[in-house]
Amino acid sequence: MGDSKRRKESLGDKYGQEENILPWLPVKKSQANQFVSWSTRGAWIGIGVLVLYWVTVRFIGPAFGWWQVN
């Protein structure tokens, strides 16, 4: 109990607030985790779009163009 009181007194207004990742970078740890979550979701969406595009070009496109060969 005594240690937490000393820490609270030494930190003052900063007690209980979230720390930055780096002292010179104004990004909190929760913001960094949120960025990783969003970028991972975006990567999976991009992979899905790429697969849909490939299926369209590889299978659906030729199926609609078979009568225009010559």
PDB file of N, CA and C in Angstrom:
ATOM      1  N   MET A   1       0.816  -1.186   0.000  1.00  0.00           N
ATOM      2  CA  MET A   1       0.000   0.000   0.000  1.00  0.00           C
ATOM      3  C   MET A   1       0.861   1.252   0.000  1.00  0.00           C
ATOM      4  N   GLY A   2       1.939   1.271   0.745  1.00  0.00           N
ATOM      5  CA  GLY A   2       2.769   2.461   0.840  1.00  0.00           C
ATOM      6  C   GLY A   2       3.422   2.801  -0.487  1.00  0.00           C
ATOM      7  N   ASP A   3       3.811   1.769  -1.243  1.00  0.00           N
ATOM      8  CA  ASP A   3       4.472   2.002  -2.523  1.00  0.00           C
ATOM      9  C   ASP A   3       3.545   2.681  -3.522  1.00  0.00           C
ATOM     10  N   SER A   4       2.296   2.275  -3.559  1.00  0.00           N
ATOM     11  CA  SER A   4       1.357   2.887  -4.505  1.00  0.00           C
ATOM     12  C   SER A   4       1.084   4.343  -4.140  1.00  0.00           C
ATOM     13  N   LYS A   5       1.060   4.643  -2.865  1.00  0.00           N
ATOM     14  CA  LYS A   5       0.861   6.032  -2.450  1.00  0.00           C
ATOM     15  C   LYS A   5       2.051   6.891  -2.850  1.00  0.00           C
ATOM     16  N   ARG A   6       3.259   6.360  -2.670  1.00  0.00           N
ATOM     17  CA  ARG A   6       4.461   7.098  -3.081  1.00  0.00           C
ATOM     18  C   ARG A   6       4.474   7.315  -4.588  1.00  0.00           C
ATOM     19  N   ARG A   7       4.089   6.279  -5.327  1.00  0.00           N
ATOM     20  CA  ARG A   7       4.047   6.400  -6.788  1.00  0.00           C
ATOM     21  C   ARG A   7       3.026   7.448  -7.211  1.00  0.00           C
ATOM     22  N   LYS A   8       1.890   7.456  -6.556  1.00  0.00           N
ATOM     23  CA  LYS A   8       0.846   8.436  -6.868  1.00  0.00           C
ATOM     24  C   LYS A   8       1.321   9.851  -6.566  1.00  0.00           C
ATOM     25  N   GLU A   9       2.029  10.007  -5.465  1.00  0.00           N
ATOM     26  CA  GLU A   9       2.549  11.330  -5.112  1.00  0.00           C
ATOM     27  C   GLU A   9       3.642  11.770  -6.069  1.00  0.00           C
ATOM     28  N   SER A  10       4.504  10.857  -6.499  1.00  0.00           N
ATOM     29  CA  SER A  10       5.607  11.237  -7.388  1.00  0.00           C
ATOM     30  C   SER A  10       5.125  11.519  -8.806  1.00  0.00           C
ATOM     31  N   LEU A  11       4.114  10.785  -9.279  1.00  0.00           N
ATOM     32  CA  LEU A  11       3.613  11.003 -10.639  1.00  0.00           C
ATOM     33  C   LEU A  11       2.638  12.178 -10.720  1.00  0.00           C
ATOM     34  N   GLY A  12       1.934  12.431  -9.684  1.00  0.00           N
ATOM     35  CA  GLY A  12       1.010  13.562  -9.667  1.00  0.00           C
ATOM     36  C   GLY A  12      -0.157  13.359 -10.615  1.00  0.00           C
ATOM     37  N   ASP A  13      -0.313  14.279 -11.561  1.00  0.00           N
ATOM     38  CA  ASP A  13      -1.437  14.227 -12.513  1.00  0.00           C
ATOM     39  C   ASP A  13      -1.333  13.073 -13.496  1.00  0.00           C
ATOM     40  N   LYS A  14      -0.149  12.558 -13.707  1.00  0.00           N
ATOM     41  CA  LYS A  14       0.045  11.480 -14.686  1.00  0.00           C
ATOM     42  C   LYS A  14      -0.302  10.099 -14.116  1.00  0.00           C
ATOM     43  N   TYR A  15      -0.634  10.019 -12.843  1.00  0.00           N
ATOM     44  CA  TYR A  15      -0.939   8.731 -12.211  1.00  0.00           C
ATOM     45  C   TYR A  15      -2.209   8.135 -12.807  1.00  0.00           C
ATOM     46  N   GLY A  16      -2.135   6.901 -13.259  1.00  0.00           N
ATOM     47  CA  GLY A  16      -3.288   6.203 -13.808  1.00  0.00           C
ATOM     48  C   GLY A  16      -3.505   6.452 -15.290  1.00  0.00           C
ATOM     49  N   GLN A  17      -2.695   7.300 -15.905  1.00  0.00           N
ATOM     50  CA  GLN A  17      -2.831   7.552 -17.338  1.00  0.00           C
ATOM     51  C   GLN A  17      -1.959   6.578 -18.116  1.00  0.00           C
ATOM     52  N   GLU A  18      -2.368   6.334 -19.319  1.00  0.00           N
ATOM     53  CA  GLU A  18      -1.661   5.384 -20.168  1.00  0.00           C
ATOM     54  C   GLU A  18      -0.355   5.981 -20.675  1.00  0.00           C
ATOM     55  N   GLU A  19       0.660   5.137 -20.793  1.00  0.00           N
ATOM     56  CA  GLU A  19       1.971   5.591 -21.254  1.00  0.00           C
ATOM     57  C   GLU A  19       2.036   5.631 -22.780  1.00  0.00           C
ATOM     58  N   ASN A  20       2.935   6.473 -23.287  1.00  0.00           N
ATOM     59  CA  ASN A  20       3.222   6.482 -24.722  1.00  0.00           C
ATOM     60  C   ASN A  20       4.139   5.308 -25.051  1.00  0.00           C
ATOM     61  N   ILE A  21       4.146   4.916 -26.324  1.00  0.00           N
ATOM     62  CA  ILE A  21       5.044   3.844 -26.749  1.00  0.00           C
ATOM     63  C   ILE A  21       6.493   4.302 -26.595  1.00  0.00           C
ATOM     64  N   LEU A  22       6.775   5.456 -27.118  1.00  0.00           N
ATOM     65  CA  LEU A  22       8.089   6.085 -26.991  1.00  0.00           C
ATOM     66  C   LEU A  22       7.882   7.484 -26.414  1.00  0.00           C
ATOM     67  N   PRO A  23       8.834   7.995 -25.666  1.00  0.00           N
ATOM     68  CA  PRO A  23       8.633   9.314 -25.055  1.00  0.00           C
ATOM     69  C   PRO A  23       8.423  10.439 -26.075  1.00  0.00           C
ATOM     70  N   TRP A  24       9.039  10.349 -27.237  1.00  0.00           N
ATOM     71  CA  TRP A  24       8.946  11.416 -28.233  1.00  0.00           C
ATOM     72  C   TRP A  24       7.829  11.173 -29.249  1.00  0.00           C
ATOM     73  N   LEU A  25       7.114  10.047 -29.147  1.00  0.00           N
ATOM     74  CA  LEU A  25       6.041   9.707 -30.074  1.00  0.00           C
ATOM     75  C   LEU A  25       4.699   9.748 -29.335  1.00  0.00           C
ATOM     76  N   PRO A  26       3.789  10.654 -29.733  1.00  0.00           N
ATOM     77  CA  PRO A  26       2.533  10.787 -28.984  1.00  0.00           C
ATOM     78  C   PRO A  26       1.492   9.739 -29.352  1.00  0.00           C
ATOM     79  N   VAL A  27       1.854   8.464 -29.234  1.00  0.00           N
ATOM     80  CA  VAL A  27       0.947   7.358 -29.536  1.00  0.00           C
ATOM     81  C   VAL A  27       0.878   6.466 -28.301  1.00  0.00           C
ATOM     82  N   LYS A  28      -0.329   6.215 -27.841  1.00  0.00           N
ATOM     83  CA  LYS A  28      -0.534   5.376 -26.663  1.00  0.00           C
ATOM     84  C   LYS A  28      -0.497   3.902 -27.055  1.00  0.00           C
ATOM     85  N   LYS A  29      -0.328   3.040 -26.083  1.00  0.00           N
ATOM     86  CA  LYS A  29      -0.262   1.604 -26.349  1.00  0.00           C
ATOM     87  C   LYS A  29      -1.581   1.078 -26.902  1.00  0.00           C
ATOM     88  N   SER A  30      -2.697   1.563 -26.408  1.00  0.00           N
ATOM     89  CA  SER A  30      -3.994   1.089 -26.913  1.00  0.00           C
ATOM     90  C   SER A  30      -4.207   1.550 -28.354  1.00  0.00           C
ATOM     91  N   GLN A  31      -3.695   2.733 -28.711  1.00  0.00           N
ATOM     92  CA  GLN A  31      -3.802   3.203 -30.088  1.00  0.00           C
ATOM     93  C   GLN A  31      -2.969   2.327 -31.012  1.00  0.00           C
ATOM     94  N   ALA A  32      -1.798   1.886 -30.557  1.00  0.00           N
ATOM     95  CA  ALA A  32      -0.963   0.998 -31.359  1.00  0.00           C
ATOM     96  C   ALA A  32      -1.648  -0.346 -31.571  1.00  0.00           C
ATOM     97  N   ASN A  33      -2.272  -0.869 -30.527  1.00  0.00           N
ATOM     98  CA  ASN A  33      -3.004  -2.135 -30.668  1.00  0.00           C
ATOM     99  C   ASN A  33      -4.183  -1.995 -31.616  1.00  0.00           C
ATOM    100  N   GLN A  34      -4.869  -0.858 -31.551  1.00  0.00           N
ATOM    101  CA  GLN A  34      -5.997  -0.613 -32.449  1.00  0.00           C
ATOM    102  C   GLN A  34      -5.519  -0.516 -33.904  1.00  0.00           C
ATOM    103  N   PHE A  35      -4.365   0.099 -34.130  1.00  0.00           N
ATOM    104  CA  PHE A  35      -3.807   0.184 -35.480  1.00  0.00           C
ATOM    105  C   PHE A  35      -3.472  -1.196 -36.020  1.00  0.00           C
ATOM    106  N   VAL A  36      -2.898  -2.043 -35.195  1.00  0.00           N
ATOM    107  CA  VAL A  36      -2.574  -3.408 -35.625  1.00  0.00           C
ATOM    108  C   VAL A  36      -3.850  -4.158 -35.980  1.00  0.00           C
ATOM    109  N   SER A  37      -4.886  -3.995 -35.178  1.00  0.00           N
ATOM    110  CA  SER A  37      -6.162  -4.664 -35.446  1.00  0.00           C
ATOM    111  C   SER A  37      -6.757  -4.199 -36.784  1.00  0.00           C
ATOM    112  N   TRP A  38      -6.786  -2.885 -37.008  1.00  0.00           N
ATOM    113  CA  TRP A  38      -7.345  -2.347 -38.253  1.00  0.00           C
ATOM    114  C   TRP A  38      -6.521  -2.768 -39.465  1.00  0.00           C
ATOM    115  N   SER A  39      -5.186  -2.732 -39.349  1.00  0.00           N
ATOM    116  CA  SER A  39      -4.354  -3.088 -40.497  1.00  0.00           C
ATOM    117  C   SER A  39      -4.466  -4.579 -40.816  1.00  0.00           C
ATOM    118  N   THR A  40      -4.625  -5.423 -39.799  1.00  0.00           N
ATOM    119  CA  THR A  40      -4.815  -6.853 -40.037  1.00  0.00           C
ATOM    120  C   THR A  40      -6.143  -7.097 -40.748  1.00  0.00           C
ATOM    121  N   ARG A  41      -7.188  -6.428 -40.293  1.00  0.00           N
ATOM    122  CA  ARG A  41      -8.499  -6.558 -40.934  1.00  0.00           C
ATOM    123  C   ARG A  41      -8.429  -6.068 -42.383  1.00  0.00           C
ATOM    124  N   GLY A  42      -7.743  -4.961 -42.606  1.00  0.00           N
ATOM    125  CA  GLY A  42      -7.594  -4.431 -43.965  1.00  0.00           C
ATOM    126  C   GLY A  42      -6.822  -5.371 -44.871  1.00  0.00           C
ATOM    127  N   ALA A  43      -5.806  -6.024 -44.319  1.00  0.00           N
ATOM    128  CA  ALA A  43      -5.039  -6.984 -45.114  1.00  0.00           C
ATOM    129  C   ALA A  43      -5.910  -8.156 -45.542  1.00  0.00           C
ATOM    130  N   TRP A  44      -6.731  -8.679 -44.627  1.00  0.00           N
ATOM    131  CA  TRP A  44      -7.619  -9.796 -44.979  1.00  0.00           C
ATOM    132  C   TRP A  44      -8.662  -9.373 -45.992  1.00  0.00           C
ATOM    133  N   ILE A  45      -9.173  -8.157 -45.881  1.00  0.00           N
ATOM    134  CA  ILE A  45     -10.127  -7.667 -46.873  1.00  0.00           C
ATOM    135  C   ILE A  45      -9.446  -7.563 -48.239  1.00  0.00           C
ATOM    136  N   GLY A  46      -8.217  -7.075 -48.263  1.00  0.00           N
ATOM    137  CA  GLY A  46      -7.463  -6.992 -49.510  1.00  0.00           C
ATOM    138  C   GLY A  46      -7.216  -8.353 -50.133  1.00  0.00           C
ATOM    139  N   ILE A  47      -6.908  -9.339 -49.316  1.00  0.00           N
ATOM    140  CA  ILE A  47      -6.709 -10.704 -49.825  1.00  0.00           C
ATOM    141  C   ILE A  47      -8.007 -11.230 -50.422  1.00  0.00           C
ATOM    142  N   GLY A  48      -9.134 -10.978 -49.751  1.00  0.00           N
ATOM    143  CA  GLY A  48     -10.430 -11.422 -50.274  1.00  0.00           C
ATOM    144  C   GLY A  48     -10.766 -10.767 -51.597  1.00  0.00           C
ATOM    145  N   VAL A  49     -10.510  -9.466 -51.704  1.00  0.00           N
ATOM    146  CA  VAL A  49     -10.762  -8.747 -52.963  1.00  0.00           C
ATOM    147  C   VAL A  49      -9.876  -9.293 -54.069  1.00  0.00           C
ATOM    148  N   LEU A  50      -8.626  -9.583 -53.757  1.00  0.00           N
ATOM    149  CA  LEU A  50      -7.715 -10.142 -54.754  1.00  0.00           C
ATOM    150  C   LEU A  50      -8.187 -11.508 -55.242  1.00  0.00           C
ATOM    151  N   VAL A  51      -8.677 -12.351 -54.329  1.00  0.00           N
ATOM    152  CA  VAL A  51      -9.181 -13.672 -54.715  1.00  0.00           C
ATOM    153  C   VAL A  51     -10.425 -13.531 -55.597  1.00  0.00           C
ATOM    154  N   LEU A  52     -11.333 -12.624 -55.228  1.00  0.00           N
ATOM    155  CA  LEU A  52     -12.522 -12.399 -56.060  1.00  0.00           C
ATOM    156  C   LEU A  52     -12.145 -11.899 -57.454  1.00  0.00           C
ATOM    157  N   TYR A  53     -11.184 -10.997 -57.522  1.00  0.00           N
ATOM    158  CA  TYR A  53     -10.725 -10.498 -58.814  1.00  0.00           C
ATOM    159  C   TYR A  53     -10.123 -11.634 -59.644  1.00  0.00           C
ATOM    160  N   TRP A  54      -9.302 -12.479 -59.010  1.00  0.00           N
ATOM    161  CA  TRP A  54      -8.681 -13.586 -59.728  1.00  0.00           C
ATOM    162  C   TRP A  54      -9.732 -14.558 -60.247  1.00  0.00           C
ATOM    163  N   VAL A  55     -10.732 -14.887 -59.425  1.00  0.00           N
ATOM    164  CA  VAL A  55     -11.798 -15.793 -59.862  1.00  0.00           C
ATOM    165  C   VAL A  55     -12.553 -15.180 -61.038  1.00  0.00           C
ATOM    166  N   THR A  56     -12.804 -13.883 -60.985  1.00  0.00           N
ATOM    167  CA  THR A  56     -13.514 -13.215 -62.076  1.00  0.00           C
ATOM    168  C   THR A  56     -12.714 -13.267 -63.366  1.00  0.00           C
ATOM    169  N   VAL A  57     -11.452 -12.932 -63.296  1.00  0.00           N
ATOM    170  CA  VAL A  57     -10.618 -12.917 -64.500  1.00  0.00           C
ATOM    171  C   VAL A  57     -10.377 -14.327 -65.025  1.00  0.00           C
ATOM    172  N   ARG A  58     -10.164 -15.282 -64.129  1.00  0.00           N
ATOM    173  CA  ARG A  58      -9.783 -16.641 -64.543  1.00  0.00           C
ATOM    174  C   ARG A  58     -10.966 -17.462 -65.036  1.00  0.00           C
ATOM    175  N   PHE A  59     -12.131 -17.359 -64.380  1.00  0.00           N
ATOM    176  CA  PHE A  59     -13.243 -18.238 -64.706  1.00  0.00           C
ATOM    177  C   PHE A  59     -14.436 -17.509 -65.328  1.00  0.00           C
ATOM    178  N   ILE A  60     -14.881 -16.433 -64.703  1.00  0.00           N
ATOM    179  CA  ILE A  60     -16.104 -15.778 -65.157  1.00  0.00           C
ATOM    180  C   ILE A  60     -15.883 -15.026 -66.461  1.00  0.00           C
ATOM    181  N   GLY A  61     -14.760 -14.348 -66.597  1.00  0.00           N
ATOM    182  CA  GLY A  61     -14.464 -13.605 -67.823  1.00  0.00           C
ATOM    183  C   GLY A  61     -14.453 -14.492 -69.059  1.00  0.00           C
ATOM    184  N   PRO A  62     -13.690 -15.570 -69.067  1.00  0.00           N
ATOM    185  CA  PRO A  62     -13.697 -16.460 -70.232  1.00  0.00           C
ATOM    186  C   PRO A  62     -15.066 -17.105 -70.492  1.00  0.00           C
ATOM    187  N   ALA A  63     -15.843 -17.349 -69.462  1.00  0.00           N
ATOM    188  CA  ALA A  63     -17.156 -17.965 -69.657  1.00  0.00           C
ATOM    189  C   ALA A  63     -18.084 -17.029 -70.422  1.00  0.00           C
ATOM    190  N   PHE A  64     -17.987 -15.729 -70.237  1.00  0.00           N
ATOM    191  CA  PHE A  64     -18.824 -14.773 -70.951  1.00  0.00           C
ATOM    192  C   PHE A  64     -18.280 -14.431 -72.337  1.00  0.00           C
ATOM    193  N   GLY A  65     -17.029 -14.768 -72.590  1.00  0.00           N
ATOM    194  CA  GLY A  65     -16.432 -14.408 -73.873  1.00  0.00           C
ATOM    195  C   GLY A  65     -16.198 -15.558 -74.815  1.00  0.00           C
ATOM    196  N   TRP A  66     -16.780 -16.727 -74.568  1.00  0.00           N
ATOM    197  CA  TRP A  66     -16.489 -17.904 -75.385  1.00  0.00           C
ATOM    198  C   TRP A  66     -17.026 -17.784 -76.811  1.00  0.00           C
ATOM    199  N   TRP A  67     -18.115 -17.032 -77.035  1.00  0.00           N
ATOM    200  CA  TRP A  67     -18.698 -16.961 -78.371  1.00  0.00           C
ATOM    201  C   TRP A  67     -17.994 -15.925 -79.253  1.00  0.00           C
ATOM    202  N   GLN A  68     -17.065 -15.152 -78.718  1.00  0.00           N
ATOM    203  CA  GLN A  68     -16.400 -14.123 -79.500  1.00  0.00           C
ATOM    204  C   GLN A  68     -14.964 -14.518 -79.830  1.00  0.00           C
ATOM    205  N   VAL A  69     -14.695 -15.782 -80.004  1.00  0.00           N
ATOM    206  CA  VAL A  69     -13.338 -16.248 -80.248  1.00  0.00           C
ATOM    207  C   VAL A  69     -12.847 -15.791 -81.605  1.00  0.00           C
ATOM    208  N   ASN A  70     -13.635 -15.944 -82.665  1.00  0.00           N
ATOM    209  CA  ASN A  70     -13.176 -15.561 -84.013  1.00  0.00           C
ATOM    210  C   ASN A  70     -13.934 -14.393 -84.513  1.00  0.00           C
TER     211      ASN A  70
END
